[in-house]
Amino acid sequence: MKKILKNITKVLLTVMCSILILIGFTFAYLIYQDLKFDEDNYEEPTAEENVNK
């Protein structure tokens, strides 16, 4: 009986770790996409705008 419980806990730990890793990668990817999107929409101020400041 104890052996079965040990195996179940091992499986649960493995599953939980893999889920956490997947969540981490998902967040990292979303943050990366967000930063990439900001870079694409960023416009350099033109010379005229710099003079007007």
PDB file of N, CA and C in Angstrom:
ATOM      1  N   MET A   1       0.838  -1.212   0.000  1.00  0.00           N
ATOM      2  CA  MET A   1       0.000   0.000   0.000  1.00  0.00           C
ATOM      3  C   MET A   1       0.873   1.262   0.000  1.00  0.00           C
ATOM      4  N   LYS A   2       1.930   1.257   0.828  1.00  0.00           N
ATOM      5  CA  LYS A   2       2.794   2.432   0.899  1.00  0.00           C
ATOM      6  C   LYS A   2       3.474   2.689  -0.444  1.00  0.00           C
ATOM      7  N   LYS A   3       3.834   1.590  -1.130  1.00  0.00           N
ATOM      8  CA  LYS A   3       4.521   1.728  -2.421  1.00  0.00           C
ATOM      9  C   LYS A   3       3.613   2.448  -3.427  1.00  0.00           C
ATOM     10  N   ILE A   4       2.344   2.082  -3.427  1.00  0.00           N
ATOM     11  CA  ILE A   4       1.384   2.708  -4.346  1.00  0.00           C
ATOM     12  C   ILE A   4       1.264   4.197  -4.040  1.00  0.00           C
ATOM     13  N   LEU A   5       1.169   4.537  -2.743  1.00  0.00           N
ATOM     14  CA  LEU A   5       1.064   5.945  -2.349  1.00  0.00           C
ATOM     15  C   LEU A   5       2.295   6.725  -2.784  1.00  0.00           C
ATOM     16  N   LYS A   6       3.486   6.124  -2.631  1.00  0.00           N
ATOM     17  CA  LYS A   6       4.715   6.798  -3.042  1.00  0.00           C
ATOM     18  C   LYS A   6       4.688   7.076  -4.540  1.00  0.00           C
ATOM     19  N   ASN A   7       4.251   6.086  -5.309  1.00  0.00           N
ATOM     20  CA  ASN A   7       4.192   6.269  -6.763  1.00  0.00           C
ATOM     21  C   ASN A   7       3.208   7.367  -7.137  1.00  0.00           C
ATOM     22  N   ILE A   8       2.066   7.395  -6.452  1.00  0.00           N
ATOM     23  CA  ILE A   8       1.051   8.414  -6.736  1.00  0.00           C
ATOM     24  C   ILE A   8       1.603   9.804  -6.436  1.00  0.00           C
ATOM     25  N   THR A   9       2.296   9.949  -5.294  1.00  0.00           N
ATOM     26  CA  THR A   9       2.846  11.267  -4.959  1.00  0.00           C
ATOM     27  C   THR A   9       3.911  11.678  -5.969  1.00  0.00           C
ATOM     28  N   LYS A  10       4.725  10.718  -6.417  1.00  0.00           N
ATOM     29  CA  LYS A  10       5.743  11.039  -7.433  1.00  0.00           C
ATOM     30  C   LYS A  10       5.076  11.550  -8.704  1.00  0.00           C
ATOM     31  N   VAL A  11       4.050  10.852  -9.131  1.00  0.00           N
ATOM     32  CA  VAL A  11       3.340  11.250 -10.351  1.00  0.00           C
ATOM     33  C   VAL A  11       2.727  12.636 -10.175  1.00  0.00           C
ATOM     34  N   LEU A  12       2.090  12.862  -9.028  1.00  0.00           N
ATOM     35  CA  LEU A  12       1.468  14.167  -8.772  1.00  0.00           C
ATOM     36  C   LEU A  12       2.507  15.280  -8.783  1.00  0.00           C
ATOM     37  N   LEU A  13       3.653  15.051  -8.140  1.00  0.00           N
ATOM     38  CA  LEU A  13       4.715  16.059  -8.120  1.00  0.00           C
ATOM     39  C   LEU A  13       5.202  16.349  -9.534  1.00  0.00           C
ATOM     40  N   THR A  14       5.396  15.303 -10.319  1.00  0.00           N
ATOM     41  CA  THR A  14       5.865  15.488 -11.694  1.00  0.00           C
ATOM     42  C   THR A  14       4.861  16.294 -12.502  1.00  0.00           C
ATOM     43  N   VAL A  15       3.584  15.945 -12.363  1.00  0.00           N
ATOM     44  CA  VAL A  15       2.532  16.655 -13.099  1.00  0.00           C
ATOM     45  C   VAL A  15       2.483  18.116 -12.669  1.00  0.00           C
ATOM     46  N   MET A  16       2.546  18.367 -11.358  1.00  0.00           N
ATOM     47  CA  MET A  16       2.500  19.747 -10.871  1.00  0.00           C
ATOM     48  C   MET A  16       3.690  20.553 -11.384  1.00  0.00           C
ATOM     49  N   CYS A  17       4.877  19.940 -11.354  1.00  0.00           N
ATOM     50  CA  CYS A  17       6.074  20.644 -11.843  1.00  0.00           C
ATOM     51  C   CYS A  17       5.935  20.978 -13.321  1.00  0.00           C
ATOM     52  N   SER A  18       5.464  20.028 -14.113  1.00  0.00           N
ATOM     53  CA  SER A  18       5.344  20.296 -15.548  1.00  0.00           C
ATOM     54  C   SER A  18       4.298  21.370 -15.819  1.00  0.00           C
ATOM     55  N   ILE A  19       3.215  21.376 -15.045  1.00  0.00           N
ATOM     56  CA  ILE A  19       2.194  22.417 -15.215  1.00  0.00           C
ATOM     57  C   ILE A  19       2.780  23.782 -14.869  1.00  0.00           C
ATOM     58  N   LEU A  20       3.545  23.857 -13.764  1.00  0.00           N
ATOM     59  CA  LEU A  20       4.173  25.123 -13.378  1.00  0.00           C
ATOM     60  C   LEU A  20       5.127  25.609 -14.461  1.00  0.00           C
ATOM     61  N   ILE A  21       5.910  24.690 -15.020  1.00  0.00           N
ATOM     62  CA  ILE A  21       6.855  25.071 -16.082  1.00  0.00           C
ATOM     63  C   ILE A  21       6.086  25.595 -17.290  1.00  0.00           C
ATOM     64  N   LEU A  22       5.001  24.915 -17.657  1.00  0.00           N
ATOM     65  CA  LEU A  22       4.191  25.363 -18.801  1.00  0.00           C
ATOM     66  C   LEU A  22       3.624  26.753 -18.549  1.00  0.00           C
ATOM     67  N   ILE A  23       3.116  26.990 -17.338  1.00  0.00           N
ATOM     68  CA  ILE A  23       2.568  28.310 -17.000  1.00  0.00           C
ATOM     69  C   ILE A  23       3.664  29.363 -17.098  1.00  0.00           C
ATOM     70  N   GLY A  24       4.849  29.039 -16.585  1.00  0.00           N
ATOM     71  CA  GLY A  24       5.978  29.969 -16.653  1.00  0.00           C
ATOM     72  C   GLY A  24       6.316  30.328 -18.081  1.00  0.00           C
ATOM     73  N   PHE A  25       6.409  29.315 -18.946  1.00  0.00           N
ATOM     74  CA  PHE A  25       6.733  29.580 -20.349  1.00  0.00           C
ATOM     75  C   PHE A  25       5.642  30.408 -21.014  1.00  0.00           C
ATOM     76  N   THR A  26       4.384  30.121 -20.673  1.00  0.00           N
ATOM     77  CA  THR A  26       3.276  30.869 -21.264  1.00  0.00           C
ATOM     78  C   THR A  26       3.368  32.342 -20.892  1.00  0.00           C
ATOM     79  N   PHE A  27       3.609  32.623 -19.602  1.00  0.00           N
ATOM     80  CA  PHE A  27       3.731  34.017 -19.170  1.00  0.00           C
ATOM     81  C   PHE A  27       4.914  34.697 -19.839  1.00  0.00           C
ATOM     82  N   ALA A  28       6.054  33.991 -19.899  1.00  0.00           N
ATOM     83  CA  ALA A  28       7.247  34.566 -20.529  1.00  0.00           C
ATOM     84  C   ALA A  28       6.944  34.903 -21.987  1.00  0.00           C
ATOM     85  N   TYR A  29       6.242  34.002 -22.688  1.00  0.00           N
ATOM     86  CA  TYR A  29       5.918  34.232 -24.099  1.00  0.00           C
ATOM     87  C   TYR A  29       4.977  35.426 -24.244  1.00  0.00           C
ATOM     88  N   LEU A  30       3.977  35.517 -23.374  1.00  0.00           N
ATOM     89  CA  LEU A  30       3.031  36.636 -23.453  1.00  0.00           C
ATOM     90  C   LEU A  30       3.739  37.962 -23.198  1.00  0.00           C
ATOM     91  N   ILE A  31       4.618  37.989 -22.193  1.00  0.00           N
ATOM     92  CA  ILE A  31       5.356  39.220 -21.890  1.00  0.00           C
ATOM     93  C   ILE A  31       6.245  39.588 -23.074  1.00  0.00           C
ATOM     94  N   TYR A  32       6.912  38.581 -23.658  1.00  0.00           N
ATOM     95  CA  TYR A  32       7.783  38.823 -24.813  1.00  0.00           C
ATOM     96  C   TYR A  32       6.979  39.396 -25.980  1.00  0.00           C
ATOM     97  N   GLN A  33       5.809  38.822 -26.241  1.00  0.00           N
ATOM     98  CA  GLN A  33       4.957  39.318 -27.329  1.00  0.00           C
ATOM     99  C   GLN A  33       4.554  40.767 -27.064  1.00  0.00           C
ATOM    100  N   ASP A  34       4.227  41.074 -25.808  1.00  0.00           N
ATOM    101  CA  ASP A  34       3.815  42.426 -25.434  1.00  0.00           C
ATOM    102  C   ASP A  34       4.949  43.413 -25.685  1.00  0.00           C
ATOM    103  N   LEU A  35       6.167  43.054 -25.280  1.00  0.00           N
ATOM    104  CA  LEU A  35       7.316  43.939 -25.483  1.00  0.00           C
ATOM    105  C   LEU A  35       7.584  44.122 -26.974  1.00  0.00           C
ATOM    106  N   LYS A  36       7.473  43.017 -27.737  1.00  0.00           N
ATOM    107  CA  LYS A  36       7.716  43.093 -29.178  1.00  0.00           C
ATOM    108  C   LYS A  36       6.690  44.027 -29.821  1.00  0.00           C
ATOM    109  N   PHE A  37       5.440  43.923 -29.372  1.00  0.00           N
ATOM    110  CA  PHE A  37       4.368  44.760 -29.909  1.00  0.00           C
ATOM    111  C   PHE A  37       4.661  46.230 -29.630  1.00  0.00           C
ATOM    112  N   ASP A  38       5.117  46.540 -28.408  1.00  0.00           N
ATOM    113  CA  ASP A  38       5.448  47.922 -28.055  1.00  0.00           C
ATOM    114  C   ASP A  38       6.573  48.451 -28.937  1.00  0.00           C
ATOM    115  N   GLU A  39       7.582  47.609 -29.197  1.00  0.00           N
ATOM    116  CA  GLU A  39       8.705  48.041 -30.034  1.00  0.00           C
ATOM    117  C   GLU A  39       8.229  48.360 -31.444  1.00  0.00           C
ATOM    118  N   ASP A  40       7.333  47.540 -31.972  1.00  0.00           N
ATOM    119  CA  ASP A  40       6.848  47.750 -33.340  1.00  0.00           C
ATOM    120  C   ASP A  40       6.080  49.062 -33.455  1.00  0.00           C
ATOM    121  N   ASN A  41       5.363  49.433 -32.398  1.00  0.00           N
ATOM    122  CA  ASN A  41       4.535  50.641 -32.452  1.00  0.00           C
ATOM    123  C   ASN A  41       5.279  51.897 -32.017  1.00  0.00           C
ATOM    124  N   TYR A  42       6.522  51.727 -31.573  1.00  0.00           N
ATOM    125  CA  TYR A  42       7.278  52.886 -31.095  1.00  0.00           C
ATOM    126  C   TYR A  42       7.758  53.710 -32.280  1.00  0.00           C
ATOM    127  N   GLU A  43       7.494  55.013 -32.245  1.00  0.00           N
ATOM    128  CA  GLU A  43       7.946  55.884 -33.336  1.00  0.00           C
ATOM    129  C   GLU A  43       9.012  56.830 -32.818  1.00  0.00           C
ATOM    130  N   GLU A  44      10.088  56.972 -33.593  1.00  0.00           N
ATOM    131  CA  GLU A  44      11.146  57.919 -33.225  1.00  0.00           C
ATOM    132  C   GLU A  44      10.590  59.332 -33.373  1.00  0.00           C
ATOM    133  N   PRO A  45      10.869  60.220 -32.417  1.00  0.00           N
ATOM    134  CA  PRO A  45      10.437  61.609 -32.602  1.00  0.00           C
ATOM    135  C   PRO A  45      11.221  62.244 -33.755  1.00  0.00           C
ATOM    136  N   THR A  46      10.527  62.998 -34.575  1.00  0.00           N
ATOM    137  CA  THR A  46      11.195  63.621 -35.725  1.00  0.00           C
ATOM    138  C   THR A  46      11.989  64.837 -35.262  1.00  0.00           C
ATOM    139  N   ALA A  47      12.822  65.367 -36.134  1.00  0.00           N
ATOM    140  CA  ALA A  47      13.667  66.516 -35.791  1.00  0.00           C
ATOM    141  C   ALA A  47      12.800  67.711 -35.401  1.00  0.00           C
ATOM    142  N   GLU A  48      11.693  67.923 -36.116  1.00  0.00           N
ATOM    143  CA  GLU A  48      10.798  69.052 -35.813  1.00  0.00           C
ATOM    144  C   GLU A  48      10.262  68.956 -34.392  1.00  0.00           C
ATOM    145  N   GLU A  49       9.825  67.753 -33.990  1.00  0.00           N
ATOM    146  CA  GLU A  49       9.279  67.572 -32.647  1.00  0.00           C
ATOM    147  C   GLU A  49      10.344  67.848 -31.597  1.00  0.00           C
ATOM    148  N   ASN A  50      11.588  67.484 -31.875  1.00  0.00           N
ATOM    149  CA  ASN A  50      12.673  67.731 -30.917  1.00  0.00           C
ATOM    150  C   ASN A  50      12.917  69.224 -30.755  1.00  0.00           C
ATOM    151  N   VAL A  51      12.810  69.987 -31.849  1.00  0.00           N
ATOM    152  CA  VAL A  51      13.038  71.434 -31.791  1.00  0.00           C
ATOM    153  C   VAL A  51      11.914  72.100 -30.996  1.00  0.00           C
ATOM    154  N   ASN A  52      10.682  71.616 -31.167  1.00  0.00           N
ATOM    155  CA  ASN A  52       9.530  72.235 -30.514  1.00  0.00           C
ATOM    156  C   ASN A  52       9.505  72.005 -29.009  1.00  0.00           C
ATOM    157  N   LYS A  53      10.275  71.068 -28.497  1.00  0.00           N
ATOM    158  CA  LYS A  53      10.230  70.754 -27.052  1.00  0.00           C
ATOM    159  C   LYS A  53      10.769  71.879 -26.217  1.00  0.00           C
TER     160      LYS A  53
END
